[in-house]
Structure formats: C-alpha cells, structure tokens
C-alpha cells in the first residue's frame, strides 16, 4: 500500500465513530479467520490414475531436431 493510500485510510478511520470501527474490526477478524481456516483444510489425494498404464512415445529418448545443433 502506498504512503498516500495508507495516510488516506488512516484519515478516514479517524473520522469514524466507535460503532463503525467495531464493525470494521469484526469484519477484519471474520476475513482473517476465513483465510486461516482455508489454509487448515488438508489436501486429499486420490489413489490411482495409472490403472490403465501410461503411454511413452517410441522416440522418447531421441533428441528433438531443434536441439540437435546443441548436442
């Protein structure tokens, strides 16, 4: 955040009353709790995916034409 934006934000906060500041504080707490809860959800992996095997091209080990001049 730039200094100008930060100063403007602080000036606007100084003009608010206690009820408005309390609402802002509660909203910020709620948003931060959502952010931390989102990080805590574990990533679940699914097993499988290679049941049918995989395909490897017959020329997999060959150097591509565009790289042969560097070899």
PDB file of N, CA and C in Angstrom:
ATOM      1  N   UNK A   1       0.855  -1.159   0.000  1.00  0.00           N
ATOM      2  CA  UNK A   1       0.000   0.000   0.000  1.00  0.00           C
ATOM      3  C   UNK A   1       0.907   1.230   0.000  1.00  0.00           C
ATOM      4  N   UNK A   2       0.595   2.190  -0.838  1.00  0.00           N
ATOM      5  CA  UNK A   2       1.408   3.396  -0.919  1.00  0.00           C
ATOM      6  C   UNK A   2       1.202   4.255   0.332  1.00  0.00           C
ATOM      7  N   UNK A   3       2.127   5.161   0.545  1.00  0.00           N
ATOM      8  CA  UNK A   3       2.019   6.068   1.691  1.00  0.00           C
ATOM      9  C   UNK A   3       0.764   6.920   1.595  1.00  0.00           C
ATOM     10  N   UNK A   4       0.449   7.370   0.378  1.00  0.00           N
ATOM     11  CA  UNK A   4      -0.745   8.185   0.186  1.00  0.00           C
ATOM     12  C   UNK A   4      -2.002   7.415   0.582  1.00  0.00           C
ATOM     13  N   UNK A   5      -2.110   6.175   0.097  1.00  0.00           N
ATOM     14  CA  UNK A   5      -3.285   5.359   0.408  1.00  0.00           C
ATOM     15  C   UNK A   5      -3.361   5.072   1.901  1.00  0.00           C
ATOM     16  N   UNK A   6      -2.217   4.784   2.501  1.00  0.00           N
ATOM     17  CA  UNK A   6      -2.191   4.493   3.936  1.00  0.00           C
ATOM     18  C   UNK A   6      -2.625   5.715   4.743  1.00  0.00           C
ATOM     19  N   UNK A   7      -2.106   6.881   4.387  1.00  0.00           N
ATOM     20  CA  UNK A   7      -2.485   8.113   5.103  1.00  0.00           C
ATOM     21  C   UNK A   7      -3.959   8.435   4.905  1.00  0.00           C
ATOM     22  N   UNK A   8      -4.456   8.237   3.683  1.00  0.00           N
ATOM     23  CA  UNK A   8      -5.869   8.492   3.417  1.00  0.00           C
ATOM     24  C   UNK A   8      -6.739   7.544   4.242  1.00  0.00           C
ATOM     25  N   UNK A   9      -6.355   6.283   4.281  1.00  0.00           N
ATOM     26  CA  UNK A   9      -7.100   5.282   5.042  1.00  0.00           C
ATOM     27  C   UNK A   9      -7.135   5.650   6.526  1.00  0.00           C
ATOM     28  N   UNK A  10      -5.987   6.048   7.060  1.00  0.00           N
ATOM     29  CA  UNK A  10      -5.932   6.433   8.475  1.00  0.00           C
ATOM     30  C   UNK A  10      -6.768   7.674   8.753  1.00  0.00           C
ATOM     31  N   UNK A  11      -6.764   8.638   7.827  1.00  0.00           N
ATOM     32  CA  UNK A  11      -7.572   9.846   7.993  1.00  0.00           C
ATOM     33  C   UNK A  11      -9.057   9.497   8.031  1.00  0.00           C
ATOM     34  N   UNK A  12      -9.469   8.605   7.129  1.00  0.00           N
ATOM     35  CA  UNK A  12     -10.871   8.194   7.101  1.00  0.00           C
ATOM     36  C   UNK A  12     -11.248   7.438   8.370  1.00  0.00           C
ATOM     37  N   UNK A  13     -10.341   6.616   8.884  1.00  0.00           N
ATOM     38  CA  UNK A  13     -10.616   5.890  10.125  1.00  0.00           C
ATOM     39  C   UNK A  13     -10.761   6.845  11.303  1.00  0.00           C
ATOM     40  N   UNK A  14      -9.975   7.909  11.309  1.00  0.00           N
ATOM     41  CA  UNK A  14     -10.067   8.892  12.398  1.00  0.00           C
ATOM     42  C   UNK A  14     -11.434   9.575  12.426  1.00  0.00           C
ATOM     43  N   UNK A  15     -12.108   9.647  11.266  1.00  0.00           N
ATOM     44  CA  UNK A  15     -13.409  10.310  11.188  1.00  0.00           C
ATOM     45  C   UNK A  15     -14.573   9.411  11.595  1.00  0.00           C
ATOM     46  N   UNK A  16     -14.306   8.121  11.794  1.00  0.00           N
ATOM     47  CA  UNK A  16     -15.376   7.183  12.133  1.00  0.00           C
ATOM     48  C   UNK A  16     -15.579   7.119  13.645  1.00  0.00           C
ATOM     49  N   UNK A  17     -16.789   6.735  14.013  1.00  0.00           N
ATOM     50  CA  UNK A  17     -17.107   6.562  15.416  1.00  0.00           C
ATOM     51  C   UNK A  17     -16.826   5.145  15.875  1.00  0.00           C
ATOM     52  N   UNK A  18     -17.021   4.922  17.155  1.00  0.00           N
ATOM     53  CA  UNK A  18     -16.754   3.611  17.749  1.00  0.00           C
ATOM     54  C   UNK A  18     -17.619   2.504  17.131  1.00  0.00           C
ATOM     55  N   UNK A  19     -18.921   2.713  16.897  1.00  0.00           N
ATOM     56  CA  UNK A  19     -19.708   1.618  16.308  1.00  0.00           C
ATOM     57  C   UNK A  19     -19.209   1.200  14.927  1.00  0.00           C
ATOM     58  N   UNK A  20     -18.829   2.183  14.106  1.00  0.00           N
ATOM     59  CA  UNK A  20     -18.322   1.860  12.775  1.00  0.00           C
ATOM     60  C   UNK A  20     -16.977   1.142  12.852  1.00  0.00           C
ATOM     61  N   UNK A  21     -16.108   1.595  13.750  1.00  0.00           N
ATOM     62  CA  UNK A  21     -14.810   0.946  13.923  1.00  0.00           C
ATOM     63  C   UNK A  21     -14.971  -0.479  14.437  1.00  0.00           C
ATOM     64  N   UNK A  22     -15.959  -0.693  15.296  1.00  0.00           N
ATOM     65  CA  UNK A  22     -16.230  -2.040  15.796  1.00  0.00           C
ATOM     66  C   UNK A  22     -16.688  -2.949  14.663  1.00  0.00           C
ATOM     67  N   UNK A  23     -17.534  -2.435  13.793  1.00  0.00           N
ATOM     68  CA  UNK A  23     -17.987  -3.232  12.641  1.00  0.00           C
ATOM     69  C   UNK A  23     -16.817  -3.583  11.732  1.00  0.00           C
ATOM     70  N   UNK A  24     -15.932  -2.620  11.488  1.00  0.00           N
ATOM     71  CA  UNK A  24     -14.756  -2.880  10.652  1.00  0.00           C
ATOM     72  C   UNK A  24     -13.868  -3.926  11.312  1.00  0.00           C
ATOM     73  N   UNK A  25     -13.656  -3.804  12.608  1.00  0.00           N
ATOM     74  CA  UNK A  25     -12.826  -4.756  13.337  1.00  0.00           C
ATOM     75  C   UNK A  25     -13.413  -6.165  13.247  1.00  0.00           C
ATOM     76  N   UNK A  26     -14.717  -6.297  13.428  1.00  0.00           N
ATOM     77  CA  UNK A  26     -15.366  -7.610  13.352  1.00  0.00           C
ATOM     78  C   UNK A  26     -15.247  -8.196  11.947  1.00  0.00           C
ATOM     79  N   UNK A  27     -15.392  -7.363  10.927  1.00  0.00           N
ATOM     80  CA  UNK A  27     -15.279  -7.832   9.542  1.00  0.00           C
ATOM     81  C   UNK A  27     -13.862  -8.313   9.255  1.00  0.00           C
ATOM     82  N   UNK A  28     -12.869  -7.580   9.718  1.00  0.00           N
ATOM     83  CA  UNK A  28     -11.472  -7.973   9.512  1.00  0.00           C
ATOM     84  C   UNK A  28     -11.186  -9.282  10.235  1.00  0.00           C
ATOM     85  N   UNK A  29     -11.669  -9.423  11.464  1.00  0.00           N
ATOM     86  CA  UNK A  29     -11.489 -10.681  12.200  1.00  0.00           C
ATOM     87  C   UNK A  29     -12.110 -11.844  11.442  1.00  0.00           C
ATOM     88  N   UNK A  30     -13.315 -11.633  10.895  1.00  0.00           N
ATOM     89  CA  UNK A  30     -14.000 -12.676  10.142  1.00  0.00           C
ATOM     90  C   UNK A  30     -13.201 -13.060   8.903  1.00  0.00           C
ATOM     91  N   UNK A  31     -12.702 -12.078   8.158  1.00  0.00           N
ATOM     92  CA  UNK A  31     -11.937 -12.362   6.948  1.00  0.00           C
ATOM     93  C   UNK A  31     -10.635 -13.088   7.260  1.00  0.00           C
ATOM     94  N   UNK A  32      -9.972 -12.695   8.344  1.00  0.00           N
ATOM     95  CA  UNK A  32      -8.738 -13.380   8.738  1.00  0.00           C
ATOM     96  C   UNK A  32      -9.006 -14.809   9.184  1.00  0.00           C
ATOM     97  N   UNK A  33     -10.121 -15.039   9.867  1.00  0.00           N
ATOM     98  CA  UNK A  33     -10.440 -16.406  10.281  1.00  0.00           C
ATOM     99  C   UNK A  33     -10.745 -17.278   9.073  1.00  0.00           C
ATOM    100  N   UNK A  34     -11.391 -16.721   8.063  1.00  0.00           N
ATOM    101  CA  UNK A  34     -11.645 -17.488   6.840  1.00  0.00           C
ATOM    102  C   UNK A  34     -10.339 -17.842   6.145  1.00  0.00           C
ATOM    103  N   UNK A  35      -9.403 -16.912   6.135  1.00  0.00           N
ATOM    104  CA  UNK A  35      -8.117 -17.143   5.485  1.00  0.00           C
ATOM    105  C   UNK A  35      -7.350 -18.250   6.201  1.00  0.00           C
ATOM    106  N   UNK A  36      -7.326 -18.223   7.529  1.00  0.00           N
ATOM    107  CA  UNK A  36      -6.598 -19.248   8.265  1.00  0.00           C
ATOM    108  C   UNK A  36      -7.318 -20.588   8.191  1.00  0.00           C
ATOM    109  N   UNK A  37      -8.656 -20.596   8.157  1.00  0.00           N
ATOM    110  CA  UNK A  37      -9.392 -21.848   8.032  1.00  0.00           C
ATOM    111  C   UNK A  37      -9.174 -22.470   6.664  1.00  0.00           C
ATOM    112  N   UNK A  38      -9.040 -21.657   5.643  1.00  0.00           N
ATOM    113  CA  UNK A  38      -8.807 -22.176   4.295  1.00  0.00           C
ATOM    114  C   UNK A  38      -7.447 -22.863   4.226  1.00  0.00           C
ATOM    115  N   UNK A  39      -6.465 -22.353   4.950  1.00  0.00           N
ATOM    116  CA  UNK A  39      -5.137 -22.964   4.947  1.00  0.00           C
ATOM    117  C   UNK A  39      -5.123 -24.279   5.711  1.00  0.00           C
ATOM    118  N   UNK A  40      -6.015 -24.440   6.673  1.00  0.00           N
ATOM    119  CA  UNK A  40      -6.010 -25.633   7.509  1.00  0.00           C
ATOM    120  C   UNK A  40      -6.690 -26.828   6.862  1.00  0.00           C
ATOM    121  N   UNK A  41      -7.463 -26.608   5.808  1.00  0.00           N
ATOM    122  CA  UNK A  41      -8.130 -27.738   5.173  1.00  0.00           C
ATOM    123  C   UNK A  41      -7.079 -28.583   4.467  1.00  0.00           C
ATOM    124  N   UNK A  42      -7.003 -29.859   4.817  1.00  0.00           N
ATOM    125  CA  UNK A  42      -5.964 -30.706   4.229  1.00  0.00           C
ATOM    126  C   UNK A  42      -6.276 -31.036   2.768  1.00  0.00           C
ATOM    127  N   UNK A  43      -5.236 -31.187   2.028  1.00  0.00           N
ATOM    128  CA  UNK A  43      -5.369 -31.601   0.637  1.00  0.00           C
ATOM    129  C   UNK A  43      -5.496 -33.119   0.609  1.00  0.00           C
ATOM    130  N   UNK A  44      -6.565 -33.600   0.046  1.00  0.00           N
ATOM    131  CA  UNK A  44      -6.760 -35.045  -0.010  1.00  0.00           C
ATOM    132  C   UNK A  44      -6.352 -35.549  -1.383  1.00  0.00           C
ATOM    133  N   UNK A  45      -5.560 -36.569  -1.381  1.00  0.00           N
ATOM    134  CA  UNK A  45      -5.108 -37.174  -2.629  1.00  0.00           C
ATOM    135  C   UNK A  45      -5.964 -38.388  -2.930  1.00  0.00           C
ATOM    136  N   UNK A  46      -6.157 -38.603  -4.189  1.00  0.00           N
ATOM    137  CA  UNK A  46      -6.880 -39.788  -4.622  1.00  0.00           C
ATOM    138  C   UNK A  46      -5.883 -40.771  -5.209  1.00  0.00           C
ATOM    139  N   UNK A  47      -5.970 -41.997  -4.744  1.00  0.00           N
ATOM    140  CA  UNK A  47      -5.077 -43.022  -5.256  1.00  0.00           C
ATOM    141  C   UNK A  47      -5.557 -43.495  -6.620  1.00  0.00           C
ATOM    142  N   UNK A  48      -4.627 -43.951  -7.385  1.00  0.00           N
ATOM    143  CA  UNK A  48      -4.972 -44.463  -8.704  1.00  0.00           C
ATOM    144  C   UNK A  48      -4.564 -43.492  -9.786  1.00  0.00           C
ATOM    145  N   UNK A  49      -5.109 -43.686 -10.933  1.00  0.00           N
ATOM    146  CA  UNK A  49      -4.796 -42.824 -12.051  1.00  0.00           C
ATOM    147  C   UNK A  49      -3.958 -43.523 -13.097  1.00  0.00           C
ATOM    148  N   UNK A  50      -3.222 -44.553 -12.694  1.00  0.00           N
ATOM    149  CA  UNK A  50      -2.399 -45.298 -13.643  1.00  0.00           C
ATOM    150  C   UNK A  50      -2.857 -46.745 -13.773  1.00  0.00           C
ATOM    151  N   UNK A  51      -4.116 -46.971 -13.453  1.00  0.00           N
ATOM    152  CA  UNK A  51      -4.619 -48.331 -13.545  1.00  0.00           C
ATOM    153  C   UNK A  51      -4.498 -48.881 -14.965  1.00  0.00           C
ATOM    154  N   UNK A  52      -4.704 -48.011 -15.945  1.00  0.00           N
ATOM    155  CA  UNK A  52      -4.638 -48.443 -17.337  1.00  0.00           C
ATOM    156  C   UNK A  52      -3.226 -48.323 -17.896  1.00  0.00           C
ATOM    157  N   UNK A  53      -2.275 -47.904 -17.089  1.00  0.00           N
ATOM    158  CA  UNK A  53      -0.914 -47.729 -17.559  1.00  0.00           C
ATOM    159  C   UNK A  53      -0.717 -46.345 -18.143  1.00  0.00           C
ATOM    160  N   UNK A  54       0.412 -46.146 -18.800  1.00  0.00           N
ATOM    161  CA  UNK A  54       0.675 -44.859 -19.434  1.00  0.00           C
ATOM    162  C   UNK A  54       1.371 -45.105 -20.757  1.00  0.00           C
ATOM    163  N   UNK A  55       1.377 -44.087 -21.598  1.00  0.00           N
ATOM    164  CA  UNK A  55       1.941 -44.200 -22.929  1.00  0.00           C
ATOM    165  C   UNK A  55       3.234 -43.407 -22.991  1.00  0.00           C
ATOM    166  N   UNK A  56       4.286 -44.046 -23.534  1.00  0.00           N
ATOM    167  CA  UNK A  56       5.542 -43.355 -23.774  1.00  0.00           C
ATOM    168  C   UNK A  56       5.871 -43.535 -25.251  1.00  0.00           C
ATOM    169  N   UNK A  57       6.107 -42.435 -25.923  1.00  0.00           N
ATOM    170  CA  UNK A  57       6.368 -42.479 -27.359  1.00  0.00           C
ATOM    171  C   UNK A  57       7.614 -43.308 -27.643  1.00  0.00           C
ATOM    172  N   UNK A  58       7.629 -44.018 -28.770  1.00  0.00           N
ATOM    173  CA  UNK A  58       8.798 -44.847 -29.101  1.00  0.00           C
ATOM    174  C   UNK A  58      10.074 -44.023 -29.265  1.00  0.00           C
ATOM    175  N   UNK A  59       9.954 -42.772 -29.674  1.00  0.00           N
ATOM    176  CA  UNK A  59      11.134 -41.936 -29.871  1.00  0.00           C
ATOM    177  C   UNK A  59      11.413 -41.038 -28.653  1.00  0.00           C
ATOM    178  N   UNK A  60      11.030 -41.490 -27.486  1.00  0.00           N
ATOM    179  CA  UNK A  60      11.171 -40.691 -26.269  1.00  0.00           C
ATOM    180  C   UNK A  60      12.621 -40.308 -26.000  1.00  0.00           C
ATOM    181  N   UNK A  61      13.561 -41.222 -26.208  1.00  0.00           N
ATOM    182  CA  UNK A  61      14.965 -40.975 -25.900  1.00  0.00           C
ATOM    183  C   UNK A  61      15.705 -40.216 -26.999  1.00  0.00           C
ATOM    184  N   UNK A  62      15.093 -39.999 -28.137  1.00  0.00           N
ATOM    185  CA  UNK A  62      15.762 -39.314 -29.240  1.00  0.00           C
ATOM    186  C   UNK A  62      15.757 -37.806 -28.999  1.00  0.00           C
ATOM    187  N   UNK A  63      16.821 -37.152 -29.428  1.00  0.00           N
ATOM    188  CA  UNK A  63      16.933 -35.707 -29.284  1.00  0.00           C
ATOM    189  C   UNK A  63      16.045 -35.024 -30.330  1.00  0.00           C
ATOM    190  N   UNK A  64      15.233 -34.063 -29.935  1.00  0.00           N
ATOM    191  CA  UNK A  64      14.410 -33.352 -30.903  1.00  0.00           C
ATOM    192  C   UNK A  64      15.275 -32.598 -31.916  1.00  0.00           C
ATOM    193  N   UNK A  65      14.763 -32.414 -33.121  1.00  0.00           N
ATOM    194  CA  UNK A  65      15.508 -31.760 -34.201  1.00  0.00           C
ATOM    195  C   UNK A  65      15.997 -30.372 -33.803  1.00  0.00           C
ATOM    196  N   UNK A  66      15.189 -29.637 -33.098  1.00  0.00           N
ATOM    197  CA  UNK A  66      15.551 -28.261 -32.765  1.00  0.00           C
ATOM    198  C   UNK A  66      16.714 -28.191 -31.765  1.00  0.00           C
ATOM    199  N   UNK A  67      17.047 -29.297 -31.077  1.00  0.00           N
ATOM    200  CA  UNK A  67      18.131 -29.290 -30.104  1.00  0.00           C
ATOM    201  C   UNK A  67      19.370 -30.015 -30.598  1.00  0.00           C
ATOM    202  N   UNK A  68      19.340 -30.623 -31.791  1.00  0.00           N
ATOM    203  CA  UNK A  68      20.476 -31.415 -32.251  1.00  0.00           C
ATOM    204  C   UNK A  68      21.717 -30.563 -32.470  1.00  0.00           C
ATOM    205  N   UNK A  69      21.558 -29.284 -32.828  1.00  0.00           N
ATOM    206  CA  UNK A  69      22.735 -28.441 -33.037  1.00  0.00           C
ATOM    207  C   UNK A  69      23.450 -28.132 -31.738  1.00  0.00           C
ATOM    208  N   UNK A  70      22.799 -28.301 -30.602  1.00  0.00           N
ATOM    209  CA  UNK A  70      23.434 -28.049 -29.309  1.00  0.00           C
ATOM    210  C   UNK A  70      24.074 -29.288 -28.721  1.00  0.00           C
ATOM    211  N   UNK A  71      23.845 -30.429 -29.309  1.00  0.00           N
ATOM    212  CA  UNK A  71      24.383 -31.681 -28.769  1.00  0.00           C
ATOM    213  C   UNK A  71      25.758 -31.966 -29.327  1.00  0.00           C
TER     214      UNK A  71
END
